[in-house]
Protein backbone atom coordinates (compact mmCIF):
# COMPACT_ATOMS: atom_id res chain seq x y z
CA MET A 1 -0.45 0.21 -0.08
CA ARG A 2 0.99 2.99 -1.20
CA PHE A 3 0.74 6.32 1.54
CA GLY A 4 -2.33 8.49 0.43
CA SER A 5 -3.82 5.34 -1.29
CA ARG A 6 -7.70 5.07 -0.84
CA SER A 7 -8.22 1.73 -0.87
CA HIS A 8 -8.70 1.61 3.16
CA ASP A 9 -10.92 3.85 3.58
CA PRO A 10 -14.94 2.55 3.59
CA GLU A 11 -17.02 3.02 0.51
CA PRO A 12 -19.19 6.32 0.98
CA GLU A 13 -22.28 4.51 0.74
CA LYS A 14 -21.33 2.02 3.17
CA LEU A 15 -20.91 4.74 5.67
CA ASP A 16 -23.95 6.79 5.34
CA VAL A 17 -25.88 4.09 5.91
CA THR A 18 -23.89 2.97 9.38
CA VAL A 19 -24.45 7.36 10.03
CA THR A 20 -27.98 7.12 9.81
CA GLY A 21 -29.17 4.38 11.33
CA GLU A 22 -26.99 5.13 13.69
CA ARG A 23 -28.96 8.13 14.08
CA ASP A 24 -32.04 6.01 13.91
CA ARG A 25 -31.61 4.22 16.82
CA LEU A 26 -30.29 7.02 19.03
CA VAL A 27 -33.36 9.21 17.65
CA ARG A 28 -35.44 6.26 18.64
CA THR A 29 -34.21 5.54 22.55
CA LEU A 30 -34.37 9.12 22.79
CA ARG A 31 -38.73 9.51 21.88
CA ASP A 32 -38.39 6.02 24.02
CA LEU A 33 -36.72 7.75 26.92
CA ALA A 34 -38.82 11.03 27.03
CA ASP A 35 -42.32 8.29 27.34
CA ARG A 36 -40.88 6.69 29.92
CA ILE A 37 -40.58 10.06 32.01
CA GLU A 38 -43.79 11.63 30.87
CA LYS A 39 -45.16 8.19 32.24
CA ALA A 40 -43.35 8.25 35.81
CA PRO A 41 -44.86 9.64 38.49
CA PHE A 42 -44.17 13.52 39.40
CA SER A 43 -42.68 13.03 42.42
CA ARG A 44 -39.76 10.56 40.95
CA ILE A 45 -38.72 12.74 38.45
CA THR A 46 -38.14 16.13 41.41
CA GLU A 47 -36.52 14.33 43.11
CA SER A 48 -34.08 12.18 40.89
CA VAL A 49 -33.27 15.38 38.68
CA SER A 50 -32.43 17.15 41.83
CA TRP A 51 -29.34 14.74 42.93
CA ILE A 52 -29.12 14.71 39.18
CA ALA A 53 -27.88 17.90 39.38
CA LYS A 54 -26.57 18.11 42.83
CA VAL A 55 -23.61 15.93 40.95
CA VAL A 56 -23.45 17.23 37.88
CA GLU A 57 -22.84 20.76 39.22
CA PRO A 58 -19.72 20.38 40.47
CA VAL A 59 -18.32 18.13 37.10
CA VAL A 60 -19.63 21.56 34.89
CA GLY A 61 -17.83 23.69 37.08
CA VAL A 62 -14.53 21.80 36.57
CA VAL A 63 -14.81 21.96 33.25
CA ASP A 64 -15.78 25.39 32.83
CA ARG A 65 -12.63 26.07 34.62
CA ALA A 66 -11.02 24.26 32.24
CA LEU A 67 -12.38 25.97 28.98
CA GLY A 68 -11.10 29.52 31.30
CA THR A 69 -14.90 30.07 30.58
CA ARG A 70 -15.87 30.26 34.86
CA LYS A 71 -13.52 31.82 37.52
């Protein structure tokens, strides 16, 4: 194989099918999640979101400082 050869690149059609399939799978998963959230009792959702926010907040701060967006 020579440098610059494109023989190792996947066929564009196969790549498009893979990307489309993964996008469709992600959309289905997100819709299923939204359906589950809508069916869940409100109190459970509120407690879960509150807990997640407490855990995620310090991580967001670290990322903001690392990116220089927060001091």
